[in-house]
Amino acid sequence: LTQWFWNIGPKSKLYYAAREYLRQNKVDTIIATGDPFILFKYASKLS
């Protein structure tokens, strides 16, 4: 439940790693494949 309100839990590390990569590199598109559907939240925020 709480992972939808804050970026916590073991899956959140994917979000932080992606954010760190995008700060230093350009990409044309982001794809999130689910489930887990929390990845859709991360892709939406990164987008």
All heavy atoms as atom14 arrays in JSON, in Angstrom:
{
  "sequence": "LTQWFWNIGPKSKLYYAAREYLRQNKVDTIIATGDPFILFKYASKLS",
  "atom14_mask": [
    [1, 1, 1, 1, 1, 1, 1, 1, 0, 0, 0, 0, 0, 0],
    [1, 1, 1, 1, 1, 1, 1, 0, 0, 0, 0, 0, 0, 0],
    [1, 1, 1, 1, 1, 1, 1, 1, 1, 0, 0, 0, 0, 0],
    [1, 1, 1, 1, 1, 1, 1, 1, 1, 1, 1, 1, 1, 1],
    [1, 1, 1, 1, 1, 1, 1, 1, 1, 1, 1, 0, 0, 0],
    [1, 1, 1, 1, 1, 1, 1, 1, 1, 1, 1, 1, 1, 1],
    [1, 1, 1, 1, 1, 1, 1, 1, 0, 0, 0, 0, 0, 0],
    [1, 1, 1, 1, 1, 1, 1, 1, 0, 0, 0, 0, 0, 0],
    [1, 1, 1, 1, 0, 0, 0, 0, 0, 0, 0, 0, 0, 0],
    [1, 1, 1, 1, 1, 1, 1, 0, 0, 0, 0, 0, 0, 0],
    [1, 1, 1, 1, 1, 1, 1, 1, 1, 0, 0, 0, 0, 0],
    [1, 1, 1, 1, 1, 1, 0, 0, 0, 0, 0, 0, 0, 0],
    [1, 1, 1, 1, 1, 1, 1, 1, 1, 0, 0, 0, 0, 0],
    [1, 1, 1, 1, 1, 1, 1, 1, 0, 0, 0, 0, 0, 0],
    [1, 1, 1, 1, 1, 1, 1, 1, 1, 1, 1, 1, 0, 0],
    [1, 1, 1, 1, 1, 1, 1, 1, 1, 1, 1, 1, 0, 0],
    [1, 1, 1, 1, 1, 0, 0, 0, 0, 0, 0, 0, 0, 0],
    [1, 1, 1, 1, 1, 0, 0, 0, 0, 0, 0, 0, 0, 0],
    [1, 1, 1, 1, 1, 1, 1, 1, 1, 1, 1, 0, 0, 0],
    [1, 1, 1, 1, 1, 1, 1, 1, 1, 0, 0, 0, 0, 0],
    [1, 1, 1, 1, 1, 1, 1, 1, 1, 1, 1, 1, 0, 0],
    [1, 1, 1, 1, 1, 1, 1, 1, 0, 0, 0, 0, 0, 0],
    [1, 1, 1, 1, 1, 1, 1, 1, 1, 1, 1, 0, 0, 0],
    [1, 1, 1, 1, 1, 1, 1, 1, 1, 0, 0, 0, 0, 0],
    [1, 1, 1, 1, 1, 1, 1, 1, 0, 0, 0, 0, 0, 0],
    [1, 1, 1, 1, 1, 1, 1, 1, 1, 0, 0, 0, 0, 0],
    [1, 1, 1, 1, 1, 1, 1, 0, 0, 0, 0, 0, 0, 0],
    [1, 1, 1, 1, 1, 1, 1, 1, 0, 0, 0, 0, 0, 0],
    [1, 1, 1, 1, 1, 1, 1, 0, 0, 0, 0, 0, 0, 0],
    [1, 1, 1, 1, 1, 1, 1, 1, 0, 0, 0, 0, 0, 0],
    [1, 1, 1, 1, 1, 1, 1, 1, 0, 0, 0, 0, 0, 0],
    [1, 1, 1, 1, 1, 0, 0, 0, 0, 0, 0, 0, 0, 0],
    [1, 1, 1, 1, 1, 1, 1, 0, 0, 0, 0, 0, 0, 0],
    [1, 1, 1, 1, 0, 0, 0, 0, 0, 0, 0, 0, 0, 0],
    [1, 1, 1, 1, 1, 1, 1, 1, 0, 0, 0, 0, 0, 0],
    [1, 1, 1, 1, 1, 1, 1, 0, 0, 0, 0, 0, 0, 0],
    [1, 1, 1, 1, 1, 1, 1, 1, 1, 1, 1, 0, 0, 0],
    [1, 1, 1, 1, 1, 1, 1, 1, 0, 0, 0, 0, 0, 0],
    [1, 1, 1, 1, 1, 1, 1, 1, 0, 0, 0, 0, 0, 0],
    [1, 1, 1, 1, 1, 1, 1, 1, 1, 1, 1, 0, 0, 0],
    [1, 1, 1, 1, 1, 1, 1, 1, 1, 0, 0, 0, 0, 0],
    [1, 1, 1, 1, 1, 1, 1, 1, 1, 1, 1, 1, 0, 0],
    [1, 1, 1, 1, 1, 0, 0, 0, 0, 0, 0, 0, 0, 0],
    [1, 1, 1, 1, 1, 1, 0, 0, 0, 0, 0, 0, 0, 0],
    [1, 1, 1, 1, 1, 1, 1, 1, 1, 0, 0, 0, 0, 0],
    [1, 1, 1, 1, 1, 1, 1, 1, 0, 0, 0, 0, 0, 0],
    [1, 1, 1, 1, 1, 1, 0, 0, 0, 0, 0, 0, 0, 0]
  ],
  "atom14_positions": [
    [[0.82, -1.22, 0.0], [0.0, 0.0, 0.0], [0.85, 1.26, 0.0], [0.64, 2.17, -0.83], [-0.93, -0.01, 1.22], [-1.86, 1.2, 1.36], [-2.79, 1.31, 0.17], [-2.65, 1.12, 2.66], [0.0, 0.0, 0.0], [0.0, 0.0, 0.0], [0.0, 0.0, 0.0], [0.0, 0.0, 0.0], [0.0, 0.0, 0.0], [0.0, 0.0, 0.0]],
    [[1.81, 1.35, 0.91], [2.56, 2.6, 1.07], [3.48, 2.91, -0.1], [3.83, 4.08, -0.31], [3.4, 2.55, 2.37], [4.26, 1.4, 2.35], [2.49, 2.5, 3.59], [0.0, 0.0, 0.0], [0.0, 0.0, 0.0], [0.0, 0.0, 0.0], [0.0, 0.0, 0.0], [0.0, 0.0, 0.0], [0.0, 0.0, 0.0], [0.0, 0.0, 0.0]],
    [[3.85, 1.9, -0.9], [4.73, 2.18, -2.05], [4.06, 3.1, -3.07], [4.74, 3.75, -3.87], [5.15, 0.87, -2.73], [4.0, 0.12, -3.39], [4.45, -1.16, -4.05], [5.65, -1.4, -4.24], [3.5, -2.01, -4.43], [0.0, 0.0, 0.0], [0.0, 0.0, 0.0], [0.0, 0.0, 0.0], [0.0, 0.0, 0.0], [0.0, 0.0, 0.0]],
    [[2.72, 3.17, -3.01], [2.01, 4.05, -3.94], [2.02, 5.51, -3.48], [1.78, 6.42, -4.29], [0.57, 3.57, -4.1], [0.5, 2.24, -4.79], [0.3, 1.02, -4.22], [0.69, 2.01, -6.18], [0.34, 0.04, -5.17], [0.59, 0.61, -6.38], [0.94, 2.83, -7.28], [0.71, 0.03, -7.64], [1.07, 2.25, -8.54], [0.96, 0.87, -8.71]],
    [[2.32, 5.74, -2.22], [2.35, 7.11, -1.69], [3.77, 7.64, -1.54], [4.0, 8.85, -1.66], [1.62, 7.16, -0.34], [0.18, 6.73, -0.43], [-0.2, 5.45, -0.1], [-0.78, 7.63, -0.86], [-1.54, 5.05, -0.18], [-2.12, 7.25, -0.95], [-2.5, 5.96, -0.61], [0.0, 0.0, 0.0], [0.0, 0.0, 0.0], [0.0, 0.0, 0.0]],
    [[4.7, 6.76, -1.24], [6.1, 7.15, -1.12], [6.95, 6.15, -1.9], [6.54, 5.01, -2.12], [6.54, 7.16, 0.35], [5.73, 8.08, 1.18], [5.84, 9.44, 1.27], [4.65, 7.72, 2.07], [4.91, 9.96, 2.15], [4.16, 8.92, 2.66], [4.06, 6.5, 2.44], [3.12, 8.93, 3.57], [3.01, 6.51, 3.34], [2.55, 7.71, 3.9]],
    [[8.13, 6.57, -2.29], [9.04, 5.68, -3.02], [9.82, 4.83, -2.02], [11.0, 5.08, -1.75], [9.98, 6.49, -3.91], [9.24, 7.23, -4.99], [8.26, 6.73, -5.54], [9.68, 8.44, -5.3], [0.0, 0.0, 0.0], [0.0, 0.0, 0.0], [0.0, 0.0, 0.0], [0.0, 0.0, 0.0], [0.0, 0.0, 0.0], [0.0, 0.0, 0.0]],
    [[9.15, 3.83, -1.48], [9.77, 2.94, -0.5], [9.54, 1.5, -0.92], [8.78, 1.21, -1.84], [9.2, 3.17, 0.92], [7.7, 2.84, 0.96], [9.45, 4.59, 1.39], [7.12, 2.88, 2.35], [0.0, 0.0, 0.0], [0.0, 0.0, 0.0], [0.0, 0.0, 0.0], [0.0, 0.0, 0.0], [0.0, 0.0, 0.0], [0.0, 0.0, 0.0]],
    [[10.21, 0.59, -0.21], [10.1, -0.82, -0.54], [11.19, -1.25, -1.5], [11.87, -0.42, -2.13], [0.0, 0.0, 0.0], [0.0, 0.0, 0.0], [0.0, 0.0, 0.0], [0.0, 0.0, 0.0], [0.0, 0.0, 0.0], [0.0, 0.0, 0.0], [0.0, 0.0, 0.0], [0.0, 0.0, 0.0], [0.0, 0.0, 0.0], [0.0, 0.0, 0.0]],
    [[11.41, -2.55, -1.65], [12.53, -3.05, -2.45], [12.45, -2.69, -3.93], [13.49, -2.52, -4.57], [12.43, -4.58, -2.26], [11.04, -4.84, -1.81], [10.63, -3.64, -1.02], [0.0, 0.0, 0.0], [0.0, 0.0, 0.0], [0.0, 0.0, 0.0], [0.0, 0.0, 0.0], [0.0, 0.0, 0.0], [0.0, 0.0, 0.0], [0.0, 0.0, 0.0]],
    [[11.26, -2.52, -4.46], [11.14, -2.22, -5.89], [11.51, -0.77, -6.19], [11.81, -0.43, -7.35], [9.73, -2.53, -6.38], [9.34, -3.99, -6.25], [7.93, -4.25, -6.73], [7.52, -5.71, -6.56], [7.36, -6.08, -5.15], [0.0, 0.0, 0.0], [0.0, 0.0, 0.0], [0.0, 0.0, 0.0], [0.0, 0.0, 0.0], [0.0, 0.0, 0.0]],
    [[11.49, 0.08, -5.19], [11.78, 1.5, -5.41], [13.22, 1.73, -5.87], [13.52, 2.77, -6.47], [11.52, 2.3, -4.13], [12.42, 1.92, -3.1], [0.0, 0.0, 0.0], [0.0, 0.0, 0.0], [0.0, 0.0, 0.0], [0.0, 0.0, 0.0], [0.0, 0.0, 0.0], [0.0, 0.0, 0.0], [0.0, 0.0, 0.0], [0.0, 0.0, 0.0]],
    [[14.09, 0.77, -5.63], [15.48, 0.93, -6.06], [15.58, 1.02, -7.58], [16.52, 1.62, -8.11], [16.33, -0.22, -5.52], [16.5, -0.17, -4.01], [17.42, -1.26, -3.5], [17.59, -1.17, -1.98], [18.49, -2.22, -1.44], [0.0, 0.0, 0.0], [0.0, 0.0, 0.0], [0.0, 0.0, 0.0], [0.0, 0.0, 0.0], [0.0, 0.0, 0.0]],
    [[14.63, 0.42, -8.28], [14.62, 0.54, -9.74], [14.34, 1.98, -10.15], [14.95, 2.5, -11.1], [13.57, -0.39, -10.36], [14.0, -1.83, -10.65], [14.23, -2.62, -9.37], [12.98, -2.54, -11.54], [0.0, 0.0, 0.0], [0.0, 0.0, 0.0], [0.0, 0.0, 0.0], [0.0, 0.0, 0.0], [0.0, 0.0, 0.0], [0.0, 0.0, 0.0]],
    [[13.45, 2.64, -9.41], [13.14, 4.04, -9.71], [14.37, 4.92, -9.51], [14.71, 5.74, -10.36], [11.99, 4.52, -8.83], [11.78, 6.02, -8.89], [11.18, 6.61, -10.0], [12.2, 6.85, -7.85], [11.0, 7.98, -10.07], [12.02, 8.22, -7.9], [11.42, 8.77, -9.02], [11.25, 10.14, -9.09], [0.0, 0.0, 0.0], [0.0, 0.0, 0.0]],
    [[15.04, 4.75, -8.38], [16.2, 5.59, -8.09], [17.34, 5.34, -9.07], [18.05, 6.27, -9.48], [16.66, 5.37, -6.65], [15.68, 5.91, -5.63], [15.04, 5.07, -4.73], [15.39, 7.27, -5.58], [14.12, 5.56, -3.8], [14.48, 7.77, -4.66], [13.85, 6.92, -3.77], [12.94, 7.41, -2.87], [0.0, 0.0, 0.0], [0.0, 0.0, 0.0]],
    [[17.52, 4.09, -9.47], [18.57, 3.77, -10.45], [18.24, 4.39, -11.8], [19.13, 4.92, -12.49], [18.73, 2.26, -10.57], [0.0, 0.0, 0.0], [0.0, 0.0, 0.0], [0.0, 0.0, 0.0], [0.0, 0.0, 0.0], [0.0, 0.0, 0.0], [0.0, 0.0, 0.0], [0.0, 0.0, 0.0], [0.0, 0.0, 0.0], [0.0, 0.0, 0.0]],
    [[16.98, 4.33, -12.2], [16.57, 4.92, -13.48], [16.71, 6.43, -13.44], [17.18, 7.05, -14.41], [15.12, 4.53, -13.77], [0.0, 0.0, 0.0], [0.0, 0.0, 0.0], [0.0, 0.0, 0.0], [0.0, 0.0, 0.0], [0.0, 0.0, 0.0], [0.0, 0.0, 0.0], [0.0, 0.0, 0.0], [0.0, 0.0, 0.0], [0.0, 0.0, 0.0]],
    [[16.32, 7.04, -12.32], [16.44, 8.5, -12.19], [17.89, 8.94, -12.27], [18.22, 9.94, -12.94], [15.81, 8.96, -10.88], [15.66, 10.47, -10.76], [15.01, 10.87, -9.45], [15.88, 10.57, -8.3], [15.57, 10.86, -7.04], [14.39, 11.44, -6.77], [16.38, 10.57, -6.06], [0.0, 0.0, 0.0], [0.0, 0.0, 0.0], [0.0, 0.0, 0.0]],
    [[18.76, 8.19, -11.61], [20.19, 8.52, -11.65], [20.74, 8.41, -13.06], [21.53, 9.26, -13.51], [20.95, 7.59, -10.69], [22.43, 7.89, -10.57], [22.72, 9.25, -9.96], [21.86, 9.78, -9.22], [23.8, 9.8, -10.22], [0.0, 0.0, 0.0], [0.0, 0.0, 0.0], [0.0, 0.0, 0.0], [0.0, 0.0, 0.0], [0.0, 0.0, 0.0]],
    [[20.33, 7.38, -13.78], [20.8, 7.21, -15.16], [20.31, 8.36, -16.04], [21.09, 8.91, -16.84], [20.3, 5.88, -15.72], [20.76, 5.62, -17.14], [22.0, 5.04, -17.4], [19.97, 6.0, -18.23], [22.44, 4.83, -18.7], [20.4, 5.8, -19.52], [21.63, 5.21, -19.76], [22.06, 5.01, -21.05], [0.0, 0.0, 0.0], [0.0, 0.0, 0.0]],
    [[19.05, 8.75, -15.9], [18.49, 9.79, -16.76], [19.04, 11.17, -16.46], [18.99, 12.06, -17.32], [16.96, 9.79, -16.63], [16.26, 8.54, -17.2], [14.77, 8.58, -16.9], [16.49, 8.43, -18.71], [0.0, 0.0, 0.0], [0.0, 0.0, 0.0], [0.0, 0.0, 0.0], [0.0, 0.0, 0.0], [0.0, 0.0, 0.0], [0.0, 0.0, 0.0]],
    [[19.56, 11.37, -15.28], [20.2, 12.64, -14.97], [21.48, 12.85, -15.77], [21.91, 13.99, -15.98], [20.49, 12.72, -13.47], [19.28, 13.05, -12.62], [19.59, 12.98, -11.14], [18.46, 13.46, -10.33], [18.35, 13.3, -9.03], [19.32, 12.67, -8.36], [17.29, 13.76, -8.37], [0.0, 0.0, 0.0], [0.0, 0.0, 0.0], [0.0, 0.0, 0.0]],
    [[22.07, 11.75, -16.2], [23.37, 11.83, -16.89], [23.29, 11.38, -18.34], [24.25, 11.56, -19.1], [24.39, 10.97, -16.15], [24.57, 11.34, -14.69], [25.51, 10.4, -13.97], [26.6, 10.08, -14.47], [25.1, 9.93, -12.8], [0.0, 0.0, 0.0], [0.0, 0.0, 0.0], [0.0, 0.0, 0.0], [0.0, 0.0, 0.0], [0.0, 0.0, 0.0]],
    [[22.16, 10.8, -18.75], [22.06, 10.25, -20.1], [20.69, 10.56, -20.69], [19.69, 10.64, -19.97], [22.24, 8.72, -20.08], [23.56, 8.29, -19.49], [24.57, 8.2, -20.18], [23.55, 8.01, -18.19], [0.0, 0.0, 0.0], [0.0, 0.0, 0.0], [0.0, 0.0, 0.0], [0.0, 0.0, 0.0], [0.0, 0.0, 0.0], [0.0, 0.0, 0.0]],
    [[20.63, 10.71, -22.0], [19.38, 10.97, -22.69], [18.84, 9.68, -23.31], [19.61, 8.87, -23.84], [19.59, 12.01, -23.79], [19.89, 13.41, -23.27], [19.99, 14.41, -24.42], [20.24, 15.82, -23.89], [20.31, 16.82, -25.0], [0.0, 0.0, 0.0], [0.0, 0.0, 0.0], [0.0, 0.0, 0.0], [0.0, 0.0, 0.0], [0.0, 0.0, 0.0]],
    [[17.53, 9.51, -23.22], [16.87, 8.41, -23.93], [15.66, 8.98, -24.65], [15.18, 10.07, -24.33], [16.44, 7.26, -22.97], [17.62, 6.72, -22.19], [15.32, 7.71, -22.05], [0.0, 0.0, 0.0], [0.0, 0.0, 0.0], [0.0, 0.0, 0.0], [0.0, 0.0, 0.0], [0.0, 0.0, 0.0], [0.0, 0.0, 0.0], [0.0, 0.0, 0.0]],
    [[15.15, 8.23, -25.62], [14.02, 8.7, -26.41], [12.68, 8.23, -25.87], [11.66, 8.9, -26.08], [14.18, 8.22, -27.87], [15.45, 8.76, -28.49], [15.46, 9.94, -28.88], [16.44, 8.0, -28.57], [0.0, 0.0, 0.0], [0.0, 0.0, 0.0], [0.0, 0.0, 0.0], [0.0, 0.0, 0.0], [0.0, 0.0, 0.0], [0.0, 0.0, 0.0]],
    [[12.68, 7.08, -25.19], [11.43, 6.5, -24.71], [11.7, 5.72, -23.43], [12.8, 5.19, -23.23], [10.83, 5.53, -25.76], [10.82, 6.16, -27.04], [9.41, 5.13, -25.38], [0.0, 0.0, 0.0], [0.0, 0.0, 0.0], [0.0, 0.0, 0.0], [0.0, 0.0, 0.0], [0.0, 0.0, 0.0], [0.0, 0.0, 0.0], [0.0, 0.0, 0.0]],
    [[10.69, 5.62, -22.59], [10.71, 4.76, -21.41], [9.61, 3.71, -21.57], [8.5, 4.04, -21.98], [10.47, 5.56, -20.12], [11.56, 6.62, -19.91], [10.41, 4.63, -18.9], [11.24, 7.61, -18.8], [0.0, 0.0, 0.0], [0.0, 0.0, 0.0], [0.0, 0.0, 0.0], [0.0, 0.0, 0.0], [0.0, 0.0, 0.0], [0.0, 0.0, 0.0]],
    [[9.94, 2.47, -21.25], [8.94, 1.4, -21.23], [8.94, 0.77, -19.84], [10.0, 0.46, -19.29], [9.23, 0.3, -22.27], [9.22, 0.86, -23.68], [8.19, -0.83, -22.16], [9.55, -0.18, -24.74], [0.0, 0.0, 0.0], [0.0, 0.0, 0.0], [0.0, 0.0, 0.0], [0.0, 0.0, 0.0], [0.0, 0.0, 0.0], [0.0, 0.0, 0.0]],
    [[7.76, 0.59, -19.28], [7.61, -0.19, -18.05], [6.74, -1.39, -18.38], [5.66, -1.23, -18.96], [6.97, 0.64, -16.95], [0.0, 0.0, 0.0], [0.0, 0.0, 0.0], [0.0, 0.0, 0.0], [0.0, 0.0, 0.0], [0.0, 0.0, 0.0], [0.0, 0.0, 0.0], [0.0, 0.0, 0.0], [0.0, 0.0, 0.0], [0.0, 0.0, 0.0]],
    [[7.21, -2.59, -18.03], [6.43, -3.79, -18.27], [5.93, -4.36, -16.95], [6.69, -4.52, -16.0], [7.26, -4.84, -19.07], [6.46, -6.01, -19.28], [8.54, -5.21, -18.38], [0.0, 0.0, 0.0], [0.0, 0.0, 0.0], [0.0, 0.0, 0.0], [0.0, 0.0, 0.0], [0.0, 0.0, 0.0], [0.0, 0.0, 0.0], [0.0, 0.0, 0.0]],
    [[4.65, -4.59, -16.88], [4.05, -5.04, -15.62], [3.22, -6.29, -15.79], [2.77, -6.59, -16.88], [0.0, 0.0, 0.0], [0.0, 0.0, 0.0], [0.0, 0.0, 0.0], [0.0, 0.0, 0.0], [0.0, 0.0, 0.0], [0.0, 0.0, 0.0], [0.0, 0.0, 0.0], [0.0, 0.0, 0.0], [0.0, 0.0, 0.0], [0.0, 0.0, 0.0]],
    [[3.12, -7.09, -14.7], [3.38, -6.56, -13.39], [4.83, -6.83, -12.94], [5.52, -7.55, -13.65], [2.38, -7.17, -12.39], [2.42, -8.69, -12.3], [2.74, -9.39, -13.28], [2.16, -9.21, -11.21], [0.0, 0.0, 0.0], [0.0, 0.0, 0.0], [0.0, 0.0, 0.0], [0.0, 0.0, 0.0], [0.0, 0.0, 0.0], [0.0, 0.0, 0.0]],
    [[5.27, -6.25, -11.77], [4.52, -5.43, -10.82], [4.17, -4.06, -11.41], [5.0, -3.43, -12.06], [5.47, -5.3, -9.63], [6.84, -5.43, -10.23], [6.69, -6.41, -11.36], [0.0, 0.0, 0.0], [0.0, 0.0, 0.0], [0.0, 0.0, 0.0], [0.0, 0.0, 0.0], [0.0, 0.0, 0.0], [0.0, 0.0, 0.0], [0.0, 0.0, 0.0]],
    [[2.93, -3.62, -11.16], [2.45, -2.4, -11.78], [2.96, -1.14, -11.1], [2.73, -0.04, -11.61], [0.92, -2.43, -11.82], [0.4, -3.52, -12.72], [-0.19, -4.65, -12.19], [0.54, -3.41, -14.09], [-0.65, -5.66, -13.02], [0.08, -4.4, -14.94], [-0.51, -5.54, -14.4], [0.0, 0.0, 0.0], [0.0, 0.0, 0.0], [0.0, 0.0, 0.0]],
    [[3.67, -1.29, -9.99], [4.32, -0.13, -9.39], [5.33, 0.48, -10.36], [5.63, 1.67, -10.31], [5.02, -0.53, -8.05], [5.49, 0.71, -7.29], [6.16, -1.48, -8.29], [4.39, 1.62, -6.82], [0.0, 0.0, 0.0], [0.0, 0.0, 0.0], [0.0, 0.0, 0.0], [0.0, 0.0, 0.0], [0.0, 0.0, 0.0], [0.0, 0.0, 0.0]],
    [[5.81, -0.33, -11.3], [6.73, 0.18, -12.31], [6.06, 1.22, -13.2], [6.72, 2.11, -13.73], [7.27, -0.97, -13.18], [8.07, -2.06, -12.47], [8.64, -3.05, -13.49], [9.19, -1.47, -11.63], [0.0, 0.0, 0.0], [0.0, 0.0, 0.0], [0.0, 0.0, 0.0], [0.0, 0.0, 0.0], [0.0, 0.0, 0.0], [0.0, 0.0, 0.0]],
    [[4.73, 1.14, -13.35], [4.01, 2.16, -14.12], [4.07, 3.51, -13.4], [4.19, 4.55, -14.04], [2.56, 1.74, -14.33], [2.37, 0.62, -15.33], [3.45, -0.03, -15.91], [1.1, 0.21, -15.68], [3.28, -1.06, -16.82], [0.9, -0.82, -16.6], [2.0, -1.45, -17.17], [0.0, 0.0, 0.0], [0.0, 0.0, 0.0], [0.0, 0.0, 0.0]],
    [[3.98, 3.48, -12.09], [4.12, 4.71, -11.32], [5.51, 5.31, -11.55], [5.63, 6.52, -11.81], [3.92, 4.44, -9.83], [4.29, 5.62, -8.93], [4.37, 5.23, -7.47], [5.0, 6.35, -6.64], [5.14, 5.99, -5.21], [0.0, 0.0, 0.0], [0.0, 0.0, 0.0], [0.0, 0.0, 0.0], [0.0, 0.0, 0.0], [0.0, 0.0, 0.0]],
    [[6.53, 4.49, -11.47], [7.9, 4.98, -11.64], [8.1, 5.57, -13.04], [8.71, 6.62, -13.21], [8.91, 3.86, -11.39], [8.85, 3.26, -10.0], [9.29, 1.96, -9.76], [8.35, 4.0, -8.93], [9.24, 1.41, -8.49], [8.29, 3.45, -7.65], [8.73, 2.15, -7.44], [8.66, 1.61, -6.18], [0.0, 0.0, 0.0], [0.0, 0.0, 0.0]],
    [[7.59, 4.86, -14.06], [7.74, 5.35, -15.43], [6.99, 6.67, -15.63], [7.48, 7.59, -16.3], [7.23, 4.29, -16.41], [0.0, 0.0, 0.0], [0.0, 0.0, 0.0], [0.0, 0.0, 0.0], [0.0, 0.0, 0.0], [0.0, 0.0, 0.0], [0.0, 0.0, 0.0], [0.0, 0.0, 0.0], [0.0, 0.0, 0.0], [0.0, 0.0, 0.0]],
    [[5.81, 6.76, -15.03], [5.03, 7.99, -15.14], [5.76, 9.17, -14.51], [5.82, 10.27, -15.08], [3.67, 7.78, -14.46], [2.9, 8.95, -14.49], [0.0, 0.0, 0.0], [0.0, 0.0, 0.0], [0.0, 0.0, 0.0], [0.0, 0.0, 0.0], [0.0, 0.0, 0.0], [0.0, 0.0, 0.0], [0.0, 0.0, 0.0], [0.0, 0.0, 0.0]],
    [[6.33, 8.96, -13.33], [7.07, 10.02, -12.64], [8.33, 10.41, -13.42], [8.66, 11.59, -13.55], [7.45, 9.56, -11.23], [6.27, 9.46, -10.27], [6.68, 8.83, -8.95], [7.65, 9.69, -8.17], [7.03, 10.94, -7.68], [0.0, 0.0, 0.0], [0.0, 0.0, 0.0], [0.0, 0.0, 0.0], [0.0, 0.0, 0.0], [0.0, 0.0, 0.0]],
    [[9.04, 9.42, -13.93], [10.25, 9.7, -14.71], [9.91, 10.44, -16.0], [10.64, 11.34, -16.42], [10.98, 8.39, -15.03], [11.6, 7.67, -13.83], [12.02, 6.26, -14.22], [12.8, 8.44, -13.27], [0.0, 0.0, 0.0], [0.0, 0.0, 0.0], [0.0, 0.0, 0.0], [0.0, 0.0, 0.0], [0.0, 0.0, 0.0], [0.0, 0.0, 0.0]],
    [[8.81, 10.06, -16.63], [8.37, 10.73, -17.85], [8.09, 12.2, -17.57], [8.48, 13.08, -18.35], [7.11, 10.04, -18.38], [6.55, 10.77, -19.46], [0.0, 0.0, 0.0], [0.0, 0.0, 0.0], [0.0, 0.0, 0.0], [0.0, 0.0, 0.0], [0.0, 0.0, 0.0], [0.0, 0.0, 0.0], [0.0, 0.0, 0.0], [0.0, 0.0, 0.0]]
  ]
}
